[in-house]
PDB file of N, CA and C in Angstrom:
ATOM      1  N   MET A   1       3.851   9.845 -18.287  1.00  0.00           N
ATOM      2  CA  MET A   1       3.785   9.345 -16.933  1.00  0.00           C
ATOM      3  C   MET A   1       2.599   8.391 -16.834  1.00  0.00           C
ATOM      4  N   GLU A   2       2.791   7.333 -16.082  1.00  0.00           N
ATOM      5  CA  GLU A   2       1.741   6.346 -15.836  1.00  0.00           C
ATOM      6  C   GLU A   2       1.510   6.237 -14.335  1.00  0.00           C
ATOM      7  N   ILE A   3       0.249   6.263 -13.928  1.00  0.00           N
ATOM      8  CA  ILE A   3      -0.079   6.043 -12.517  1.00  0.00           C
ATOM      9  C   ILE A   3      -0.126   4.542 -12.287  1.00  0.00           C
ATOM     10  N   VAL A   4       0.737   4.056 -11.402  1.00  0.00           N
ATOM     11  CA  VAL A   4       0.866   2.626 -11.146  1.00  0.00           C
ATOM     12  C   VAL A   4      -0.015   2.186  -9.987  1.00  0.00           C
ATOM     13  N   SER A   5      -0.192   3.060  -8.999  1.00  0.00           N
ATOM     14  CA  SER A   5      -0.960   2.693  -7.818  1.00  0.00           C
ATOM     15  C   SER A   5      -1.542   3.943  -7.171  1.00  0.00           C
ATOM     16  N   VAL A   6      -2.769   3.839  -6.687  1.00  0.00           N
ATOM     17  CA  VAL A   6      -3.419   4.873  -5.886  1.00  0.00           C
ATOM     18  C   VAL A   6      -3.731   4.221  -4.550  1.00  0.00           C
ATOM     19  N   ASN A   7      -3.400   4.916  -3.445  1.00  0.00           N
ATOM     20  CA  ASN A   7      -3.487   4.280  -2.129  1.00  0.00           C
ATOM     21  C   ASN A   7      -4.254   5.133  -1.126  1.00  0.00           C
ATOM     22  N   ILE A   8      -4.976   4.462  -0.236  1.00  0.00           N
ATOM     23  CA  ILE A   8      -5.659   5.096   0.887  1.00  0.00           C
ATOM     24  C   ILE A   8      -5.421   4.235   2.120  1.00  0.00           C
ATOM     25  N   GLY A   9      -5.741   4.753   3.298  1.00  0.00           N
ATOM     26  CA  GLY A   9      -5.507   3.960   4.493  1.00  0.00           C
ATOM     27  C   GLY A   9      -6.300   4.420   5.693  1.00  0.00           C
ATOM     28  N   ASP A  10      -6.360   3.537   6.669  1.00  0.00           N
ATOM     29  CA  ASP A  10      -6.983   3.814   7.963  1.00  0.00           C
ATOM     30  C   ASP A  10      -5.922   4.340   8.918  1.00  0.00           C
ATOM     31  N   LYS A  11      -6.362   4.983   9.980  1.00  0.00           N
ATOM     32  CA  LYS A  11      -5.395   5.405  10.993  1.00  0.00           C
ATOM     33  C   LYS A  11      -4.934   4.181  11.771  1.00  0.00           C
ATOM     34  N   GLN A  12      -3.701   4.245  12.240  1.00  0.00           N
ATOM     35  CA  GLN A  12      -3.131   3.166  13.034  1.00  0.00           C
ATOM     36  C   GLN A  12      -2.388   3.768  14.213  1.00  0.00           C
ATOM     37  N   GLU A  13      -2.341   3.011  15.294  1.00  0.00           N
ATOM     38  CA  GLU A  13      -1.526   3.392  16.448  1.00  0.00           C
ATOM     39  C   GLU A  13      -0.197   2.679  16.339  1.00  0.00           C
ATOM     40  N   VAL A  14       0.874   3.430  16.508  1.00  0.00           N
ATOM     41  CA  VAL A  14       2.217   2.853  16.487  1.00  0.00           C
ATOM     42  C   VAL A  14       3.015   3.439  17.648  1.00  0.00           C
ATOM     43  N   GLU A  15       4.043   2.722  18.054  1.00  0.00           N
ATOM     44  CA  GLU A  15       4.930   3.251  19.078  1.00  0.00           C
ATOM     45  C   GLU A  15       6.058   3.995  18.390  1.00  0.00           C
ATOM     46  N   TRP A  16       6.286   5.232  18.813  1.00  0.00           N
ATOM     47  CA  TRP A  16       7.353   6.058  18.263  1.00  0.00           C
ATOM     48  C   TRP A  16       7.952   6.877  19.382  1.00  0.00           C
ATOM     49  N   LYS A  17       9.245   6.747  19.559  1.00  0.00           N
ATOM     50  CA  LYS A  17       9.955   7.438  20.649  1.00  0.00           C
ATOM     51  C   LYS A  17       9.310   7.151  21.999  1.00  0.00           C
ATOM     52  N   ASN A  18       9.009   5.873  22.236  1.00  0.00           N
ATOM     53  CA  ASN A  18       8.432   5.385  23.496  1.00  0.00           C
ATOM     54  C   ASN A  18       7.050   5.939  23.792  1.00  0.00           C
ATOM     55  N   LYS A  19       6.329   6.385  22.764  1.00  0.00           N
ATOM     56  CA  LYS A  19       4.964   6.874  22.939  1.00  0.00           C
ATOM     57  C   LYS A  19       4.078   6.240  21.881  1.00  0.00           C
ATOM     58  N   LEU A  20       2.807   6.045  22.218  1.00  0.00           N
ATOM     59  CA  LEU A  20       1.828   5.603  21.233  1.00  0.00           C
ATOM     60  C   LEU A  20       1.296   6.826  20.499  1.00  0.00           C
ATOM     61  N   ILE A  21       1.357   6.804  19.180  1.00  0.00           N
ATOM     62  CA  ILE A  21       0.836   7.907  18.374  1.00  0.00           C
ATOM     63  C   ILE A  21      -0.089   7.343  17.296  1.00  0.00           C
ATOM     64  N   GLU A  22      -0.965   8.170  16.774  1.00  0.00           N
ATOM     65  CA  GLU A  22      -1.804   7.784  15.636  1.00  0.00           C
ATOM     66  C   GLU A  22      -1.162   8.313  14.365  1.00  0.00           C
ATOM     67  N   THR A  23      -1.212   7.501  13.315  1.00  0.00           N
ATOM     68  CA  THR A  23      -0.665   7.904  12.027  1.00  0.00           C
ATOM     69  C   THR A  23      -1.577   7.420  10.909  1.00  0.00           C
ATOM     70  N   GLY A  24      -1.540   8.115   9.815  1.00  0.00           N
ATOM     71  CA  GLY A  24      -2.274   7.711   8.623  1.00  0.00           C
ATOM     72  C   GLY A  24      -1.336   7.411   7.470  1.00  0.00           C
ATOM     73  N   ILE A  25      -0.054   7.219   7.761  1.00  0.00           N
ATOM     74  CA  ILE A  25       0.960   7.056   6.721  1.00  0.00           C
ATOM     75  C   ILE A  25       0.883   5.708   6.011  1.00  0.00           C
ATOM     76  N   PHE A  26       0.352   4.689   6.661  1.00  0.00           N
ATOM     77  CA  PHE A  26       0.323   3.356   6.053  1.00  0.00           C
ATOM     78  C   PHE A  26      -0.873   3.245   5.121  1.00  0.00           C
ATOM     79  N   LYS A  27      -0.610   3.095   3.854  1.00  0.00           N
ATOM     80  CA  LYS A  27      -1.651   3.080   2.824  1.00  0.00           C
ATOM     81  C   LYS A  27      -1.638   1.762   2.068  1.00  0.00           C
ATOM     82  N   SER A  28      -2.778   1.408   1.502  1.00  0.00           N
ATOM     83  CA  SER A  28      -2.902   0.212   0.664  1.00  0.00           C
ATOM     84  C   SER A  28      -3.528   0.605  -0.664  1.00  0.00           C
ATOM     85  N   SER A  29      -3.177  -0.154  -1.669  1.00  0.00           N
ATOM     86  CA  SER A  29      -3.661   0.125  -3.015  1.00  0.00           C
ATOM     87  C   SER A  29      -5.176  -0.030  -3.109  1.00  0.00           C
ATOM     88  N   THR A  30      -5.784   0.828  -3.889  1.00  0.00           N
ATOM     89  CA  THR A  30      -7.215   0.764  -4.143  1.00  0.00           C
ATOM     90  C   THR A  30      -7.438   1.004  -5.636  1.00  0.00           C
ATOM     91  N   GLN A  31      -8.550   0.573  -6.150  1.00  0.00           N
ATOM     92  CA  GLN A  31      -8.828   0.723  -7.575  1.00  0.00           C
ATOM     93  C   GLN A  31      -9.280   2.127  -7.949  1.00  0.00           C
ATOM     94  N   GLN A  32      -9.813   2.861  -6.967  1.00  0.00           N
ATOM     95  CA  GLN A  32     -10.404   4.151  -7.288  1.00  0.00           C
ATOM     96  C   GLN A  32     -10.414   5.031  -6.040  1.00  0.00           C
ATOM     97  N   ILE A  33     -10.273   6.328  -6.229  1.00  0.00           N
ATOM     98  CA  ILE A  33     -10.455   7.269  -5.127  1.00  0.00           C
ATOM     99  C   ILE A  33     -11.518   8.278  -5.517  1.00  0.00           C
ATOM    100  N   THR A  34     -12.128   8.864  -4.512  1.00  0.00           N
ATOM    101  CA  THR A  34     -13.105   9.931  -4.720  1.00  0.00           C
ATOM    102  C   THR A  34     -12.605  11.155  -3.974  1.00  0.00           C
ATOM    103  N   LEU A  35     -12.475  12.258  -4.707  1.00  0.00           N
ATOM    104  CA  LEU A  35     -12.003  13.493  -4.095  1.00  0.00           C
ATOM    105  C   LEU A  35     -13.177  14.322  -3.621  1.00  0.00           C
ATOM    106  N   GLY A  36     -13.156  14.689  -2.336  1.00  0.00           N
ATOM    107  CA  GLY A  36     -14.121  15.638  -1.801  1.00  0.00           C
ATOM    108  C   GLY A  36     -13.534  17.030  -1.913  1.00  0.00           C
ATOM    109  N   SER A  37     -14.222  18.022  -1.399  1.00  0.00           N
ATOM    110  CA  SER A  37     -13.705  19.389  -1.491  1.00  0.00           C
ATOM    111  C   SER A  37     -12.459  19.594  -0.633  1.00  0.00           C
ATOM    112  N   GLU A  38     -12.310  18.800   0.434  1.00  0.00           N
ATOM    113  CA  GLU A  38     -11.143  18.949   1.310  1.00  0.00           C
ATOM    114  C   GLU A  38     -10.501  17.632   1.714  1.00  0.00           C
ATOM    115  N   VAL A  39     -11.004  16.512   1.212  1.00  0.00           N
ATOM    116  CA  VAL A  39     -10.478  15.203   1.616  1.00  0.00           C
ATOM    117  C   VAL A  39     -10.494  14.230   0.441  1.00  0.00           C
ATOM    118  N   VAL A  40      -9.723  13.163   0.592  1.00  0.00           N
ATOM    119  CA  VAL A  40      -9.877  11.983  -0.249  1.00  0.00           C
ATOM    120  C   VAL A  40     -10.773  11.059   0.561  1.00  0.00           C
ATOM    121  N   LEU A  41     -11.953  10.746   0.045  1.00  0.00           N
ATOM    122  CA  LEU A  41     -12.906   9.942   0.813  1.00  0.00           C
ATOM    123  C   LEU A  41     -12.313   8.583   1.156  1.00  0.00           C
ATOM    124  N   ASN A  42     -12.582   8.124   2.364  1.00  0.00           N
ATOM    125  CA  ASN A  42     -12.132   6.837   2.907  1.00  0.00           C
ATOM    126  C   ASN A  42     -10.637   6.779   3.176  1.00  0.00           C
ATOM    127  N   ASP A  43      -9.959   7.914   3.192  1.00  0.00           N
ATOM    128  CA  ASP A  43      -8.540   7.955   3.538  1.00  0.00           C
ATOM    129  C   ASP A  43      -8.396   8.763   4.820  1.00  0.00           C
ATOM    130  N   ASN A  44      -7.693   8.208   5.799  1.00  0.00           N
ATOM    131  CA  ASN A  44      -7.507   8.895   7.072  1.00  0.00           C
ATOM    132  C   ASN A  44      -6.260   9.746   7.055  1.00  0.00           C
ATOM    133  N   VAL A  45      -6.412  10.997   7.446  1.00  0.00           N
ATOM    134  CA  VAL A  45      -5.311  11.936   7.592  1.00  0.00           C
ATOM    135  C   VAL A  45      -5.337  12.399   9.041  1.00  0.00           C
ATOM    136  N   ILE A  46      -4.251  12.219   9.735  1.00  0.00           N
ATOM    137  CA  ILE A  46      -4.208  12.544  11.158  1.00  0.00           C
ATOM    138  C   ILE A  46      -3.797  13.992  11.383  1.00  0.00           C
ATOM    139  N   ASP A  47      -2.765  14.439  10.697  1.00  0.00           N
ATOM    140  CA  ASP A  47      -2.216  15.775  10.920  1.00  0.00           C
ATOM    141  C   ASP A  47      -2.813  16.774   9.934  1.00  0.00           C
ATOM    142  N   ARG A  48      -3.965  17.315  10.264  1.00  0.00           N
ATOM    143  CA  ARG A  48      -4.677  18.250   9.378  1.00  0.00           C
ATOM    144  C   ARG A  48      -3.988  19.615   9.282  1.00  0.00           C
ATOM    145  N   LYS A  49      -3.028  19.870  10.143  1.00  0.00           N
ATOM    146  CA  LYS A  49      -2.295  21.130  10.031  1.00  0.00           C
ATOM    147  C   LYS A  49      -1.511  21.181   8.716  1.00  0.00           C
ATOM    148  N   TYR A  50      -0.982  20.045   8.289  1.00  0.00           N
ATOM    149  CA  TYR A  50      -0.151  19.998   7.088  1.00  0.00           C
ATOM    150  C   TYR A  50      -0.763  19.210   5.933  1.00  0.00           C
ATOM    151  N   HIS A  51      -1.788  18.436   6.189  1.00  0.00           N
ATOM    152  CA  HIS A  51      -2.367  17.577   5.150  1.00  0.00           C
ATOM    153  C   HIS A  51      -3.874  17.770   5.085  1.00  0.00           C
ATOM    154  N   GLY A  52      -4.404  17.713   3.875  1.00  0.00           N
ATOM    155  CA  GLY A  52      -5.833  17.880   3.686  1.00  0.00           C
ATOM    156  C   GLY A  52      -6.185  19.345   3.484  1.00  0.00           C
ATOM    157  N   GLY A  53      -7.461  19.622   3.467  1.00  0.00           N
ATOM    158  CA  GLY A  53      -7.907  20.988   3.239  1.00  0.00           C
ATOM    159  C   GLY A  53      -7.909  21.328   1.756  1.00  0.00           C
ATOM    160  N   ILE A  54      -8.140  22.581   1.448  1.00  0.00           N
ATOM    161  CA  ILE A  54      -8.236  23.028   0.061  1.00  0.00           C
ATOM    162  C   ILE A  54      -6.951  22.739  -0.710  1.00  0.00           C
ATOM    163  N   ASP A  55      -5.798  23.002  -0.088  1.00  0.00           N
ATOM    164  CA  ASP A  55      -4.502  22.748  -0.723  1.00  0.00           C
ATOM    165  C   ASP A  55      -3.964  21.414  -0.222  1.00  0.00           C
ATOM    166  N   LYS A  56      -4.491  20.329  -0.730  1.00  0.00           N
ATOM    167  CA  LYS A  56      -4.139  18.988  -0.252  1.00  0.00           C
ATOM    168  C   LYS A  56      -2.663  18.668  -0.464  1.00  0.00           C
ATOM    169  N   ALA A  57      -2.133  17.893   0.448  1.00  0.00           N
ATOM    170  CA  ALA A  57      -0.788  17.354   0.276  1.00  0.00           C
ATOM    171  C   ALA A  57      -0.916  15.982  -0.359  1.00  0.00           C
ATOM    172  N   CYS A  58      -0.138  15.728  -1.368  1.00  0.00           N
ATOM    173  CA  CYS A  58      -0.106  14.410  -2.022  1.00  0.00           C
ATOM    174  C   CYS A  58       1.252  13.793  -1.781  1.00  0.00           C
ATOM    175  N   TYR A  59       1.238  12.547  -1.441  1.00  0.00           N
ATOM    176  CA  TYR A  59       2.467  11.796  -1.221  1.00  0.00           C
ATOM    177  C   TYR A  59       2.714  11.031  -2.510  1.00  0.00           C
ATOM    178  N   VAL A  60       3.694  11.445  -3.283  1.00  0.00           N
ATOM    179  CA  VAL A  60       3.920  10.878  -4.604  1.00  0.00           C
ATOM    180  C   VAL A  60       5.350  10.376  -4.690  1.00  0.00           C
ATOM    181  N   TYR A  61       5.506   9.147  -5.206  1.00  0.00           N
ATOM    182  CA  TYR A  61       6.822   8.563  -5.424  1.00  0.00           C
ATOM    183  C   TYR A  61       6.920   8.056  -6.851  1.00  0.00           C
ATOM    184  N   SER A  62       8.100   8.182  -7.394  1.00  0.00           N
ATOM    185  CA  SER A  62       8.396   7.530  -8.661  1.00  0.00           C
ATOM    186  C   SER A  62       8.520   6.028  -8.374  1.00  0.00           C
ATOM    187  N   GLU A  63       8.052   5.193  -9.291  1.00  0.00           N
ATOM    188  CA  GLU A  63       8.057   3.746  -9.070  1.00  0.00           C
ATOM    189  C   GLU A  63       9.467   3.219  -8.802  1.00  0.00           C
ATOM    190  N   ASP A  64      10.478   3.816  -9.399  1.00  0.00           N
ATOM    191  CA  ASP A  64      11.846   3.306  -9.189  1.00  0.00           C
ATOM    192  C   ASP A  64      12.374   3.577  -7.783  1.00  0.00           C
ATOM    193  N   HIS A  65      11.692   4.361  -6.956  1.00  0.00           N
ATOM    194  CA  HIS A  65      12.106   4.591  -5.578  1.00  0.00           C
ATOM    195  C   HIS A  65      11.600   3.515  -4.617  1.00  0.00           C
ATOM    196  N   TYR A  66      10.638   2.712  -5.032  1.00  0.00           N
ATOM    197  CA  TYR A  66      10.045   1.745  -4.112  1.00  0.00           C
ATOM    198  C   TYR A  66      11.012   0.673  -3.668  1.00  0.00           C
ATOM    199  N   SER A  67      11.949   0.271  -4.510  1.00  0.00           N
ATOM    200  CA  SER A  67      12.907  -0.755  -4.079  1.00  0.00           C
ATOM    201  C   SER A  67      13.798  -0.227  -2.961  1.00  0.00           C
ATOM    202  N   PHE A  68      14.023   1.088  -2.929  1.00  0.00           N
ATOM    203  CA  PHE A  68      14.816   1.717  -1.883  1.00  0.00           C
ATOM    204  C   PHE A  68      14.044   1.708  -0.584  1.00  0.00           C
TER     205      PHE A  68
END
């Protein structure tokens, strides 16, 4: 397996179902990440109930899924 891209992002406001919500789903490629004990430094996670903490959630895709 080869890691092709590592991504982090800022929080953004988007309209969803006629409401403004904050999300951290939009990520951009970075050369390096730093893992803290409960976070990836400089990456915004909005929903801490399901993401972050000791048992971090990772969003991982196979490169062949990106065209989809």
